[in-house]
Amino acid sequence: MKSTSNSGILDIIEYQKEQIKDLQNTKDEQFKQLSNMQNLLDQQQRQALQDKKVLEEYKEEIKGLKSLMVPVREDEKDPIAQQSKDIDNIKEEPHKKNKKWWHFGRNVK
């Protein structure tokens, strides 16, 4: 009976040793993954800083280009207002023509 119980205890010990090895392997894999994640985060931060620098350079370049622009005539400064005036003029033209035509037709009767 002692040999059976000793054999059972030895089996349990072997099983626990295997579990410990598996857990150590799992831990090692998790450390590798954590290290990779930290590297990716560092890389992302470096990329973000580089993007910020490039954006600042572009802003400075745009400011420089704007300072080189030729001044615009006073009536062309607001293109939206100019387009609005053009649209209003186009809308009014048919009404003016219709009025003239309407008066002409009335005089004929």
N, C-alpha and C. Protein backbone atom coordinates (compact mmCIF):
# COMPACT_ATOMS: atom_id res chain seq x y z
N MET A 1 0.82 -1.18 0.00
CA MET A 1 0.00 0.00 0.00
C MET A 1 0.86 1.25 0.00
N LYS A 2 2.02 1.15 0.70
CA LYS A 2 2.91 2.30 0.73
C LYS A 2 3.45 2.60 -0.65
N SER A 3 3.77 1.56 -1.42
CA SER A 3 4.31 1.79 -2.75
C SER A 3 3.27 2.43 -3.66
N THR A 4 2.00 2.10 -3.48
CA THR A 4 0.94 2.71 -4.28
C THR A 4 0.76 4.16 -3.91
N SER A 5 0.78 4.45 -2.63
CA SER A 5 0.62 5.85 -2.22
C SER A 5 1.84 6.66 -2.60
N ASN A 6 3.03 6.04 -2.51
CA ASN A 6 4.25 6.74 -2.94
C ASN A 6 4.22 7.00 -4.44
N SER A 7 3.74 6.04 -5.18
CA SER A 7 3.63 6.19 -6.63
C SER A 7 2.65 7.30 -6.97
N GLY A 8 1.54 7.34 -6.25
CA GLY A 8 0.54 8.40 -6.48
C GLY A 8 1.08 9.77 -6.17
N ILE A 9 1.85 9.86 -5.07
CA ILE A 9 2.45 11.14 -4.68
C ILE A 9 3.48 11.57 -5.71
N LEU A 10 4.27 10.62 -6.20
CA LEU A 10 5.27 10.94 -7.23
C LEU A 10 4.60 11.42 -8.52
N ASP A 11 3.48 10.80 -8.86
CA ASP A 11 2.74 11.24 -10.06
C ASP A 11 2.24 12.67 -9.89
N ILE A 12 1.74 12.96 -8.70
CA ILE A 12 1.25 14.31 -8.42
C ILE A 12 2.39 15.32 -8.51
N ILE A 13 3.54 14.94 -7.95
CA ILE A 13 4.70 15.84 -7.98
C ILE A 13 5.14 16.09 -9.43
N GLU A 14 5.18 15.05 -10.24
CA GLU A 14 5.56 15.20 -11.65
C GLU A 14 4.57 16.11 -12.39
N TYR A 15 3.28 15.89 -12.12
CA TYR A 15 2.24 16.72 -12.75
C TYR A 15 2.42 18.19 -12.36
N GLN A 16 2.70 18.44 -11.09
CA GLN A 16 2.89 19.82 -10.62
C GLN A 16 4.15 20.44 -11.22
N LYS A 17 5.20 19.64 -11.40
CA LYS A 17 6.41 20.15 -12.05
C LYS A 17 6.11 20.58 -13.49
N GLU A 18 5.31 19.78 -14.20
CA GLU A 18 4.93 20.13 -15.57
C GLU A 18 4.11 21.42 -15.60
N GLN A 19 3.21 21.54 -14.63
CA GLN A 19 2.40 22.77 -14.54
C GLN A 19 3.30 23.98 -14.30
N ILE A 20 4.29 23.83 -13.44
CA ILE A 20 5.22 24.93 -13.15
C ILE A 20 5.97 25.32 -14.42
N LYS A 21 6.42 24.33 -15.19
CA LYS A 21 7.13 24.62 -16.44
C LYS A 21 6.21 25.37 -17.42
N ASP A 22 4.97 24.90 -17.53
CA ASP A 22 4.00 25.56 -18.41
C ASP A 22 3.77 27.00 -17.98
N LEU A 23 3.63 27.21 -16.68
CA LEU A 23 3.41 28.56 -16.17
C LEU A 23 4.62 29.45 -16.42
N GLN A 24 5.82 28.89 -16.29
CA GLN A 24 7.03 29.67 -16.57
C GLN A 24 7.10 30.04 -18.05
N ASN A 25 6.73 29.11 -18.91
CA ASN A 25 6.71 29.40 -20.35
C ASN A 25 5.68 30.49 -20.67
N THR A 26 4.52 30.38 -20.03
CA THR A 26 3.47 31.38 -20.23
C THR A 26 3.95 32.75 -19.76
N LYS A 27 4.61 32.78 -18.61
CA LYS A 27 5.14 34.03 -18.07
C LYS A 27 6.17 34.63 -19.03
N ASP A 28 7.06 33.79 -19.55
CA ASP A 28 8.08 34.27 -20.49
C ASP A 28 7.43 34.87 -21.75
N GLU A 29 6.41 34.20 -22.26
CA GLU A 29 5.69 34.71 -23.43
C GLU A 29 5.03 36.05 -23.13
N GLN A 30 4.44 36.17 -21.95
CA GLN A 30 3.79 37.42 -21.58
C GLN A 30 4.80 38.55 -21.45
N PHE A 31 5.98 38.25 -20.93
CA PHE A 31 7.03 39.27 -20.84
C PHE A 31 7.48 39.71 -22.24
N LYS A 32 7.58 38.75 -23.16
CA LYS A 32 7.94 39.10 -24.54
C LYS A 32 6.87 40.00 -25.16
N GLN A 33 5.61 39.64 -24.94
CA GLN A 33 4.51 40.45 -25.48
C GLN A 33 4.52 41.84 -24.87
N LEU A 34 4.76 41.92 -23.57
CA LEU A 34 4.82 43.21 -22.90
C LEU A 34 5.96 44.06 -23.46
N SER A 35 7.08 43.44 -23.68
CA SER A 35 8.23 44.15 -24.25
C SER A 35 7.90 44.67 -25.65
N ASN A 36 7.25 43.83 -26.45
CA ASN A 36 6.85 44.25 -27.79
C ASN A 36 5.87 45.41 -27.74
N MET A 37 4.93 45.35 -26.81
CA MET A 37 3.95 46.44 -26.66
C MET A 37 4.64 47.74 -26.27
N GLN A 38 5.60 47.66 -25.37
CA GLN A 38 6.33 48.86 -24.96
C GLN A 38 7.12 49.43 -26.13
N ASN A 39 7.72 48.56 -26.93
CA ASN A 39 8.44 49.03 -28.11
C ASN A 39 7.50 49.72 -29.09
N LEU A 40 6.32 49.14 -29.28
CA LEU A 40 5.34 49.75 -30.19
C LEU A 40 4.87 51.10 -29.66
N LEU A 41 4.64 51.20 -28.37
CA LEU A 41 4.23 52.47 -27.78
C LEU A 41 5.32 53.53 -27.93
N ASP A 42 6.56 53.13 -27.70
CA ASP A 42 7.67 54.06 -27.89
C ASP A 42 7.75 54.53 -29.34
N GLN A 43 7.59 53.58 -30.24
CA GLN A 43 7.62 53.92 -31.67
C GLN A 43 6.48 54.87 -32.02
N GLN A 44 5.30 54.63 -31.46
CA GLN A 44 4.15 55.49 -31.73
C GLN A 44 4.40 56.89 -31.19
N GLN A 45 4.99 56.99 -30.01
CA GLN A 45 5.28 58.31 -29.45
C GLN A 45 6.30 59.06 -30.29
N ARG A 46 7.33 58.35 -30.75
CA ARG A 46 8.33 58.99 -31.62
C ARG A 46 7.68 59.47 -32.91
N GLN A 47 6.79 58.65 -33.47
CA GLN A 47 6.10 59.02 -34.70
C GLN A 47 5.20 60.23 -34.47
N ALA A 48 4.52 60.28 -33.34
CA ALA A 48 3.65 61.42 -33.03
C ALA A 48 4.47 62.70 -32.90
N LEU A 49 5.63 62.62 -32.25
CA LEU A 49 6.49 63.80 -32.14
C LEU A 49 6.99 64.25 -33.51
N GLN A 50 7.34 63.27 -34.33
CA GLN A 50 7.82 63.60 -35.67
C GLN A 50 6.69 64.25 -36.49
N ASP A 51 5.48 63.71 -36.38
CA ASP A 51 4.33 64.29 -37.08
C ASP A 51 4.07 65.72 -36.62
N LYS A 52 4.21 65.94 -35.32
CA LYS A 52 3.99 67.28 -34.78
C LYS A 52 5.02 68.26 -35.35
N LYS A 53 6.28 67.82 -35.44
CA LYS A 53 7.32 68.68 -36.00
C LYS A 53 7.03 69.00 -37.46
N VAL A 54 6.63 67.99 -38.22
CA VAL A 54 6.32 68.19 -39.64
C VAL A 54 5.15 69.15 -39.79
N LEU A 55 4.14 69.00 -38.94
CA LEU A 55 2.98 69.88 -38.99
C LEU A 55 3.39 71.32 -38.72
N GLU A 56 4.24 71.53 -37.73
CA GLU A 56 4.72 72.88 -37.43
C GLU A 56 5.51 73.45 -38.61
N GLU A 57 6.33 72.61 -39.25
CA GLU A 57 7.08 73.07 -40.43
C GLU A 57 6.13 73.48 -41.54
N TYR A 58 5.08 72.70 -41.77
CA TYR A 58 4.10 73.04 -42.80
C TYR A 58 3.39 74.34 -42.47
N LYS A 59 3.04 74.53 -41.21
CA LYS A 59 2.38 75.77 -40.81
C LYS A 59 3.27 76.96 -41.08
N GLU A 60 4.56 76.84 -40.76
CA GLU A 60 5.50 77.93 -41.01
C GLU A 60 5.64 78.18 -42.50
N GLU A 61 5.68 77.10 -43.28
CA GLU A 61 5.80 77.25 -44.73
C GLU A 61 4.56 77.94 -45.30
N ILE A 62 3.40 77.58 -44.80
CA ILE A 62 2.16 78.20 -45.27
C ILE A 62 2.15 79.68 -44.92
N LYS A 63 2.59 80.02 -43.71
CA LYS A 63 2.67 81.43 -43.32
C LYS A 63 3.59 82.18 -44.27
N GLY A 64 4.72 81.57 -44.60
CA GLY A 64 5.65 82.19 -45.53
C GLY A 64 5.04 82.40 -46.90
N LEU A 65 4.30 81.41 -47.37
CA LEU A 65 3.65 81.53 -48.67
C LEU A 65 2.55 82.59 -48.66
N LYS A 66 1.81 82.66 -47.56
CA LYS A 66 0.76 83.68 -47.46
C LYS A 66 1.35 85.08 -47.47
N SER A 67 2.53 85.24 -46.88
CA SER A 67 3.15 86.56 -46.86
C SER A 67 3.62 86.96 -48.25
N LEU A 68 3.83 85.99 -49.13
CA LEU A 68 4.26 86.28 -50.49
C LEU A 68 3.09 86.55 -51.44
N MET A 69 1.87 86.31 -50.99
CA MET A 69 0.70 86.47 -51.86
C MET A 69 0.54 87.92 -52.28
N VAL A 70 0.06 88.11 -53.52
CA VAL A 70 -0.21 89.45 -54.05
C VAL A 70 -1.49 89.95 -53.40
N PRO A 71 -1.51 91.21 -52.97
CA PRO A 71 -2.74 91.73 -52.38
C PRO A 71 -3.88 91.72 -53.41
N VAL A 72 -5.05 91.43 -52.94
CA VAL A 72 -6.22 91.32 -53.81
C VAL A 72 -6.95 92.64 -53.84
N ARG A 73 -7.58 92.92 -54.99
CA ARG A 73 -8.37 94.15 -55.08
C ARG A 73 -9.49 94.12 -54.05
N GLU A 74 -9.95 95.29 -53.69
CA GLU A 74 -10.94 95.42 -52.62
C GLU A 74 -12.23 94.67 -52.97
N ASP A 75 -12.69 94.74 -54.22
CA ASP A 75 -13.95 94.10 -54.59
C ASP A 75 -13.81 92.58 -54.73
N GLU A 76 -12.59 92.05 -54.76
CA GLU A 76 -12.39 90.61 -54.89
C GLU A 76 -12.04 89.95 -53.56
N LYS A 77 -12.02 90.69 -52.48
CA LYS A 77 -11.59 90.13 -51.20
C LYS A 77 -12.55 89.07 -50.68
N ASP A 78 -13.83 89.26 -50.89
CA ASP A 78 -14.80 88.31 -50.37
C ASP A 78 -15.43 87.56 -51.54
N PRO A 79 -14.87 86.42 -51.93
CA PRO A 79 -15.39 85.71 -53.10
C PRO A 79 -16.81 85.19 -52.89
N ILE A 80 -17.17 84.90 -51.67
CA ILE A 80 -18.53 84.40 -51.41
C ILE A 80 -19.54 85.51 -51.66
N ALA A 81 -19.23 86.71 -51.20
CA ALA A 81 -20.13 87.84 -51.43
C ALA A 81 -20.22 88.13 -52.92
N GLN A 82 -19.09 88.03 -53.63
CA GLN A 82 -19.08 88.27 -55.07
C GLN A 82 -19.93 87.22 -55.79
N GLN A 83 -19.80 85.97 -55.39
CA GLN A 83 -20.61 84.92 -56.00
C GLN A 83 -22.09 85.16 -55.72
N SER A 84 -22.39 85.58 -54.52
CA SER A 84 -23.78 85.86 -54.16
C SER A 84 -24.34 86.98 -55.04
N LYS A 85 -23.54 88.03 -55.26
CA LYS A 85 -23.98 89.12 -56.13
C LYS A 85 -24.20 88.62 -57.55
N ASP A 86 -23.28 87.79 -58.04
CA ASP A 86 -23.41 87.25 -59.38
C ASP A 86 -24.68 86.41 -59.51
N ILE A 87 -24.95 85.59 -58.52
CA ILE A 87 -26.16 84.76 -58.54
C ILE A 87 -27.41 85.63 -58.52
N ASP A 88 -27.41 86.65 -57.67
CA ASP A 88 -28.55 87.56 -57.62
C ASP A 88 -28.76 88.25 -58.96
N ASN A 89 -27.69 88.69 -59.59
CA ASN A 89 -27.80 89.34 -60.90
C ASN A 89 -28.36 88.39 -61.94
N ILE A 90 -27.91 87.14 -61.92
CA ILE A 90 -28.41 86.15 -62.88
C ILE A 90 -29.89 85.88 -62.63
N LYS A 91 -30.30 85.83 -61.38
CA LYS A 91 -31.71 85.59 -61.06
C LYS A 91 -32.58 86.76 -61.50
N GLU A 92 -32.07 87.97 -61.40
CA GLU A 92 -32.87 89.14 -61.74
C GLU A 92 -32.98 89.35 -63.24
N GLU A 93 -32.03 88.89 -64.02
CA GLU A 93 -32.05 89.10 -65.46
C GLU A 93 -33.32 88.57 -66.12
N PRO A 94 -33.76 87.34 -65.85
CA PRO A 94 -34.99 86.87 -66.50
C PRO A 94 -36.21 87.70 -66.10
N HIS A 95 -36.26 88.18 -64.87
CA HIS A 95 -37.39 88.99 -64.44
C HIS A 95 -37.43 90.30 -65.22
N LYS A 96 -36.29 90.90 -65.42
CA LYS A 96 -36.24 92.14 -66.18
C LYS A 96 -36.70 91.90 -67.61
N LYS A 97 -36.23 90.82 -68.21
CA LYS A 97 -36.62 90.50 -69.59
C LYS A 97 -38.11 90.19 -69.65
N ASN A 98 -38.61 89.45 -68.67
CA ASN A 98 -40.03 89.11 -68.66
C ASN A 98 -40.88 90.36 -68.54
N LYS A 99 -40.45 91.29 -67.73
CA LYS A 99 -41.22 92.52 -67.58
C LYS A 99 -41.28 93.27 -68.90
N LYS A 100 -40.14 93.37 -69.56
CA LYS A 100 -40.13 94.07 -70.85
C LYS A 100 -41.01 93.34 -71.85
N TRP A 101 -40.91 92.05 -71.89
CA TRP A 101 -41.71 91.27 -72.82
C TRP A 101 -43.19 91.38 -72.47
N TRP A 102 -43.50 91.37 -71.20
CA TRP A 102 -44.89 91.45 -70.77
C TRP A 102 -45.49 92.78 -71.19
N HIS A 103 -44.74 93.85 -70.99
CA HIS A 103 -45.24 95.16 -71.40
C HIS A 103 -45.40 95.23 -72.91
N PHE A 104 -44.52 94.61 -73.64
CA PHE A 104 -44.62 94.62 -75.08
C PHE A 104 -45.87 93.88 -75.52
N GLY A 105 -46.15 92.74 -74.89
CA GLY A 105 -47.33 91.96 -75.24
C GLY A 105 -48.61 92.69 -74.89
N ARG A 106 -48.61 93.46 -73.84
CA ARG A 106 -49.80 94.20 -73.44
C ARG A 106 -50.10 95.32 -74.42
N ASN A 107 -49.07 95.94 -74.91
CA ASN A 107 -49.27 97.05 -75.83
C ASN A 107 -49.81 96.57 -77.17
N VAL A 108 -49.56 95.35 -77.54
CA VAL A 108 -50.01 94.83 -78.83
C VAL A 108 -51.50 94.61 -78.81
N LYS A 109 -52.06 94.20 -77.70
CA LYS A 109 -53.50 93.90 -77.65
C LYS A 109 -54.25 95.10 -77.95
